[in-house]
Amino acid sequence: YYDADLFAIDVKRIERWYNEKGFYEAKVENVEELRDDKGRVTLLVKINEGRRAVVRKMEFTGAEALPHNELSDIDDALPIHPGDGFDEDVYEKAKDVLLEQLREHGFARAKVRGRVEVAPEEGSANIVFEVDPDVRFKFGDVTVSGNHRVASDEIAFATGIRRGDRFTPKAIALAQQRVYNLGAFSGARVSLEPLTDPPFAGVRVNVREAPIHTVRLGLGGSAEESRWELPRLRAEYTNRSLLGGLRRLELSNTAGYAFVPNPFPGQYDPSHSGITVLTSAQLTIPNMFVPGLDWINRAEFAREIQSGFSYQDVAGRTGLLYRRAEHTVGLSLNFVRYFQVDLRGTDLSRILQIGGSGAGIVNDCPVSCTLTYPELRYTYDGRDNVIEPTNGFFGTVGLQQTLKPGSFSYFRINPDLRGYAPIGKYAVLAMRVEYGGLFTETANGASPFTQRFFFGGQNEQRGYSSLAQGPKVGADPCDPRPGKSAGCTQPFATTAVPIGGKAAALVSVELRIPADFILNHLGIVPFIDASNVSDDPKRPLEGGLEVAPGLGLRYLTPFGPLRLDVAYLARSKDVFTRSAPAIDATGAQVITVPTRVSVFCPGDTAGCIPESRFAFHVTLGEAF
């Protein structure tokens, strides 16, 4: 209820708020009460702001011991400078930043005070920062506690702190990250010892060792329009001290059964379904040469089954990974051997023999092929939470260039940028932009479809089923026998098999809204995905983007959000399948003709393959 006496106190608060922003002459001149016939009151407050105080001068006292260039750098970092409108909140923040900057320059015991001389009638404010830097500290000895199995010298080396280095709080934070990244500890804390021995600041590393051997088991699954994987089993074994020291061995195996397109009677296709496997062994040797530099060696075996293709591969990878705060740089050499490659409903060896528009897709890889490439990858991760981010930025870019021995020659680039920002207290705006380009040595040069760009599915373009957007090859020709397939005047394809593209572009936007008012830990996520997959990396937006708005539900669990997304393909593009050899219903060898794939296809008519406008996805974890 409105109380005029209480609002008189609010009037004083309004004036004080203006004072805090530098308007020291601000005055409420009038308050008008507007009443309606329902007993409601609208208050119209008229205020004269007056002149705002501007910072005319800013001085530092007690900072004579700092070199001019250091003091200039510290000054540049402050959020307030002469010429700015004075703001008490910004002034208080400036004192905190000044203290932080002094500590980053080695003054661990620095103190900062300040005063402001305001002349409201002149509209000026003079700021004086009173600095007591004390002595400049250097790092002293690093002392380790809590370790039983891992040698103290190895842990101290991992911190990257050496006696005599200039003290900085950032070095302490980086040391804690590096110790934890060793993977041998369930907890790690790096802090300063009491500053009783200037100019040296001792460092204390307190660790809690994790078990040497760890076995973890997991059960999961996923469901999409054209592929279900149920169940999916995962087993992991970790040895954190292989042959002593900090060498870490990780063995993992993920196995599941892929139902194509789904497990329901009458739709399940056993000839294109089967067991999927990803088995890997990884050996990590940390702190190679310098702290934060890891040498990683990895061997893999995979059996992949998708709705349009399947293959198996063995791979060997070795590389160096360097991490520093939010930055990660990796350089690796990869050798991959693909075998038992199969495109659904097509004869790869015949494609290679006959050639034509589809031959370039599997050139040099009708059944098996070899891929050798170094990869350079840079990642910046400034998110506040890796699993459920609410603020920050993430960016990564990968560069590949094939080498011999190998069946292909191309350069591949794939940048991916993501941003997160809170919208008030009740929502998070998440945005993603991705580009992919695969540049072959010649215009129609071969490229392994396993390295081409596929969009569609739970993490990219959710308006399509898994990997279904973009170029396709025709398979399963229509039945030419009378009465079997209406309009089958030519060997039209009845199935469109995705083969990926050499170019890809994606823009995704989500609004993640907590819905605890409906159910605890529930979230509602409206989203929109816009993307394109084509074969010209110089023109990734050719023909425009396909757009799919949608709505998702999230149920937050300790392992990440359980996610259901449903999307509607509002703007789609028709594509025509590429010709490919196949065997029709009569047993004859034919070459499918280019066949339209569209959301506008009439049902049960040869010459047009219908594409669904709706797609749903069930999985664990956010889309990005």
Foldseek 3Di string as FASTA:
>chain_A
DDDPVVVVVVQVVVQVQLVQQQQVVKDFDDWDWDADPVGDTDIDIDMDSAAGAFEAEEEEPQCPVDDPVLVVVLVVPQPHDGGHGHHNVSVVVRQVSSVQSLQQQQLVPKDKDKDWDDDNVVSYIYIYIYINSDDGAAAAEEAEDQDDFADPVVLRQQLQHDGPHGGHVLSQVQSQVLSVVLVFFPHKHKDWDPPPDPNYIYIYIYTHGDDQKDKDKDWPWKAKQFKTWPIKIKIKIWGQAVVHHGKIKIKMKIKTKIFTGDDDPPRTDVVQIGMWMKIKIKIWDAQDVHHQKIKMKMWIWIWDGDNFWTKIKIKIKIWIWGDTVQKIKIKMKMKMKIFQIDTPFFQLVVCCVVPFPPVQAQPCNRGMWMWIKMKIKMKGDFFPDDFDGAFDKIKMKMWIATDPPTDFGKIKIKIKIKGWHDDPPFKIKIKIKIKIAIGGPDLSHHDHLVPADFDEDDQAQPQHHGSPAEAWAFHAFFAPDPPGFAANPDRAGQDTRHSHERIKIKIKIKMWGDDVVVPPQKIKIKMKMWMHTYHDNVCRQVPHTFMKIWMKMWRQDPVHTWIKIKIFRPGDDKDWHTWGWGAYPVRDIDIHDTAIEECPDDPRHGRYHHGGRMMMMTGGGHSD
